[in-house]
C-alpha atoms as a PDB file:
ATOM      1  CA  MET A   1       4.843 -29.196  25.728  1.00  0.00           C
ATOM      2  CA  SER A   2       2.293 -30.019  23.202  1.00  0.00           C
ATOM      3  CA  PRO A   3       3.108 -32.078  20.367  1.00  0.00           C
ATOM      4  CA  PHE A   4       0.698 -32.768  17.436  1.00  0.00           C
ATOM      5  CA  LEU A   5       0.946 -36.241  16.399  1.00  0.00           C
ATOM      6  CA  CYS A   6      -0.503 -38.649  13.971  1.00  0.00           C
ATOM      7  CA  ASN A   7      -0.789 -42.408  13.429  1.00  0.00           C
ATOM      8  CA  ARG A   8       1.095 -44.208  10.802  1.00  0.00           C
ATOM      9  CA  GLN A   9      -1.773 -43.893   8.372  1.00  0.00           C
ATOM     10  CA  LYS A  10      -2.248 -40.526   9.063  1.00  0.00           C
ATOM     11  CA  THR A  11      -6.035 -40.806   9.867  1.00  0.00           C
ATOM     12  CA  SER A  12      -5.933 -40.217  13.480  1.00  0.00           C
ATOM     13  CA  PHE A  13      -4.545 -37.029  15.270  1.00  0.00           C
ATOM     14  CA  TYR A  14      -3.556 -36.190  18.800  1.00  0.00           C
ATOM     15  CA  MET A  15      -2.489 -33.261  20.812  1.00  0.00           C
ATOM     16  CA  LEU A  16      -0.531 -34.383  23.861  1.00  0.00           C
ATOM     17  CA  LEU A  17      -0.235 -31.841  26.976  1.00  0.00           C
ATOM     18  CA  MET A  18       2.786 -32.559  29.026  1.00  0.00           C
ATOM     19  CA  PRO A  19       4.735 -30.861  31.467  1.00  0.00           C
ATOM     20  CA  GLY A  20       7.689 -29.251  29.357  1.00  0.00           C
ATOM     21  CA  ASP A  21      10.659 -30.543  31.491  1.00  0.00           C
ATOM     22  CA  LYS A  22       9.213 -34.162  30.680  1.00  0.00           C
ATOM     23  CA  PRO A  23      11.103 -36.261  27.745  1.00  0.00           C
ATOM     24  CA  PHE A  24       8.551 -37.176  25.243  1.00  0.00           C
ATOM     25  CA  LYS A  25       8.927 -40.817  24.110  1.00  0.00           C
ATOM     26  CA  ALA A  26       6.283 -41.766  21.469  1.00  0.00           C
ATOM     27  CA  LYS A  27       6.654 -45.472  22.390  1.00  0.00           C
ATOM     28  CA  PHE A  28       5.139 -45.222  25.641  1.00  0.00           C
ATOM     29  CA  LEU A  29       2.212 -43.085  24.331  1.00  0.00           C
ATOM     30  CA  THR A  30       1.733 -45.408  21.647  1.00  0.00           C
ATOM     31  CA  SER A  31       1.324 -48.561  24.117  1.00  0.00           C
ATOM     32  CA  GLN A  32      -1.067 -46.502  26.579  1.00  0.00           C
ATOM     33  CA  LEU A  33      -3.268 -45.302  23.354  1.00  0.00           C
ATOM     34  CA  ASN A  34      -3.159 -48.829  21.925  1.00  0.00           C
ATOM     35  CA  CYS A  35      -2.551 -47.249  18.165  1.00  0.00           C
ATOM     36  CA  ALA A  36      -0.118 -47.823  15.682  1.00  0.00           C
ATOM     37  CA  ARG A  37       3.264 -45.863  15.743  1.00  0.00           C
ATOM     38  CA  LEU A  38       2.866 -42.119  16.008  1.00  0.00           C
ATOM     39  CA  SER A  39       5.071 -39.445  14.715  1.00  0.00           C
ATOM     40  CA  PHE A  40       4.463 -35.628  14.533  1.00  0.00           C
ATOM     41  CA  ALA A  41       1.943 -34.705  12.069  1.00  0.00           C
ATOM     42  CA  GLU A  42       2.156 -32.586   9.071  1.00  0.00           C
ATOM     43  CA  ALA A  43       2.341 -28.787   9.047  1.00  0.00           C
ATOM     44  CA  ASP A  44      -0.681 -28.682   6.624  1.00  0.00           C
ATOM     45  CA  LYS A  45      -2.597 -30.805   9.057  1.00  0.00           C
ATOM     46  CA  MET A  46      -1.658 -28.525  12.097  1.00  0.00           C
ATOM     47  CA  GLN A  47      -2.876 -25.551   9.798  1.00  0.00           C
ATOM     48  CA  GLU A  48      -6.119 -27.000   8.484  1.00  0.00           C
ATOM     49  CA  TYR A  49      -7.323 -28.608  11.933  1.00  0.00           C
ATOM     50  CA  LEU A  50      -5.942 -25.881  14.417  1.00  0.00           C
ATOM     51  CA  HIS A  51      -5.164 -22.965  12.242  1.00  0.00           C
ATOM     52  CA  THR A  52      -1.488 -22.432  13.493  1.00  0.00           C
ATOM     53  CA  ILE A  53       2.094 -23.469  12.788  1.00  0.00           C
ATOM     54  CA  PRO A  54       4.566 -25.815  14.472  1.00  0.00           C
ATOM     55  CA  GLY A  55       5.982 -24.714  17.550  1.00  0.00           C
ATOM     56  CA  SER A  56       2.647 -22.934  18.483  1.00  0.00           C
ATOM     57  CA  VAL A  57       0.412 -25.784  19.443  1.00  0.00           C
ATOM     58  CA  SER A  58      -1.562 -25.558  22.630  1.00  0.00           C
ATOM     59  CA  ALA A  59      -4.947 -26.451  23.651  1.00  0.00           C
ATOM     60  CA  LEU A  60      -6.230 -23.071  22.970  1.00  0.00           C
ATOM     61  CA  GLU A  61      -6.388 -23.921  19.402  1.00  0.00           C
ATOM     62  CA  LEU A  62      -8.684 -26.804  19.950  1.00  0.00           C
ATOM     63  CA  ILE A  63     -11.336 -23.818  19.583  1.00  0.00           C
ATOM     64  CA  TYR A  64     -10.806 -24.189  15.492  1.00  0.00           C
ATOM     65  CA  ASP A  65     -11.148 -28.185  15.624  1.00  0.00           C
ATOM     66  CA  THR A  66     -15.168 -28.167  15.426  1.00  0.00           C
ATOM     67  CA  ASP A  67     -15.319 -31.628  13.680  1.00  0.00           C
ATOM     68  CA  ASN A  68     -13.468 -33.133  16.577  1.00  0.00           C
ATOM     69  CA  ASN A  69     -10.493 -34.621  14.590  1.00  0.00           C
ATOM     70  CA  ILE A  70      -7.858 -34.242  17.247  1.00  0.00           C
ATOM     71  CA  GLN A  71      -7.985 -36.550  20.458  1.00  0.00           C
ATOM     72  CA  LEU A  72      -6.570 -34.600  23.490  1.00  0.00           C
ATOM     73  CA  ILE A  73      -4.048 -36.475  25.349  1.00  0.00           C
ATOM     74  CA  ILE A  74      -3.014 -35.000  28.774  1.00  0.00           C
ATOM     75  CA  ASP A  75      -0.137 -36.647  30.882  1.00  0.00           C
ATOM     76  CA  LYS A  76      -1.450 -36.899  34.662  1.00  0.00           C
ATOM     77  CA  ASP A  77       1.649 -34.903  35.971  1.00  0.00           C
ATOM     78  CA  LEU A  78       0.355 -31.934  34.092  1.00  0.00           C
ATOM     79  CA  MET A  79      -2.584 -31.954  36.334  1.00  0.00           C
ATOM     80  CA  LYS A  80      -0.625 -31.568  39.482  1.00  0.00           C
ATOM     81  CA  ASP A  81       0.240 -27.633  38.468  1.00  0.00           C
ATOM     82  CA  GLU A  82      -2.131 -25.039  39.315  1.00  0.00           C
ATOM     83  CA  TYR A  83      -1.307 -23.498  36.263  1.00  0.00           C
ATOM     84  CA  ILE A  84      -1.251 -24.625  32.271  1.00  0.00           C
ATOM     85  CA  CYS A  85       0.469 -22.127  29.548  1.00  0.00           C
ATOM     86  CA  GLY A  86      -0.512 -22.226  26.237  1.00  0.00           C
ATOM     87  CA  HIS A  87       0.592 -20.095  23.118  1.00  0.00           C
ATOM     88  CA  PRO A  88      -2.636 -18.097  21.710  1.00  0.00           C
ATOM     89  CA  GLY A  89      -1.934 -19.144  17.891  1.00  0.00           C
ATOM     90  CA  ILE A  90       1.784 -18.024  17.980  1.00  0.00           C
ATOM     91  CA  ASN A  91       4.646 -18.861  20.052  1.00  0.00           C
ATOM     92  CA  THR A  92       5.645 -15.427  20.501  1.00  0.00           C
ATOM     93  CA  SER A  93       3.064 -15.029  23.378  1.00  0.00           C
ATOM     94  CA  THR A  94       2.287 -17.197  26.141  1.00  0.00           C
ATOM     95  CA  VAL A  95      -0.908 -17.422  28.547  1.00  0.00           C
ATOM     96  CA  ARG A  96      -1.219 -18.799  31.585  1.00  0.00           C
ATOM     97  CA  LEU A  97      -4.719 -20.189  32.637  1.00  0.00           C
ATOM     98  CA  LEU A  98      -5.740 -21.797  35.883  1.00  0.00           C
ATOM     99  CA  ARG A  99      -5.823 -25.655  35.475  1.00  0.00           C
ATOM    100  CA  ASP A 100      -9.268 -25.601  36.152  1.00  0.00           C
ATOM    101  CA  ASP A 101     -10.019 -22.836  33.842  1.00  0.00           C
ATOM    102  CA  MET A 102      -8.163 -24.798  31.040  1.00  0.00           C
ATOM    103  CA  MET A 103      -9.895 -27.816  31.500  1.00  0.00           C
ATOM    104  CA  ARG A 104     -13.057 -25.893  31.322  1.00  0.00           C
ATOM    105  CA  TYR A 105     -12.231 -24.529  28.129  1.00  0.00           C
ATOM    106  CA  VAL A 106     -11.004 -27.688  26.423  1.00  0.00           C
ATOM    107  CA  ARG A 107     -14.606 -29.143  27.395  1.00  0.00           C
ATOM    108  CA  GLU A 108     -16.303 -26.318  25.932  1.00  0.00           C
ATOM    109  CA  THR A 109     -14.700 -27.127  22.734  1.00  0.00           C
ATOM    110  CA  LYS A 110     -16.103 -30.394  22.800  1.00  0.00           C
ATOM    111  CA  HIS A 111     -12.787 -32.273  23.543  1.00  0.00           C
ATOM    112  CA  GLU A 112     -12.725 -34.748  26.264  1.00  0.00           C
ATOM    113  CA  PRO A 113      -9.379 -35.320  27.473  1.00  0.00           C
ATOM    114  CA  THR A 114      -7.852 -38.830  27.771  1.00  0.00           C
ATOM    115  CA  PHE A 115      -5.323 -38.849  30.695  1.00  0.00           C
ATOM    116  CA  ILE A 116      -2.151 -40.764  30.669  1.00  0.00           C
ATOM    117  CA  ASP A 117       0.841 -41.665  32.456  1.00  0.00           C
ATOM    118  CA  LEU A 118       4.127 -41.071  31.004  1.00  0.00           C
ATOM    119  CA  PRO A 119       7.335 -42.132  32.519  1.00  0.00           C
ATOM    120  CA  ILE A 120      10.042 -39.687  33.634  1.00  0.00           C
ATOM    121  CA  GLU A 121      12.579 -41.971  32.197  1.00  0.00           C
END
């Protein structure tokens, strides 16, 4: 699961990578990032920064964010898996990469992830 989020002012954007079976609660993420209330970002920003549409966001699209407008946030539980999956631009396809290969890719796009702990609750 990869929600594309923004702060209340719509000046900071975040991509959250987390296990698909874990519930997403913005309040836990907001407190760990020490930022204003988060919500889902508008589709036009997703298109502008990531060249994709809602439902298709993944770390693979970070290659388009050459100005580093997006902060990558990764839930530590995701790093326990051997593989990380993502949509290559559209959600009708899924690519499965080794975790280390995905992290190498992310860093090659000049995005240094912030790791957080989201509760299972």
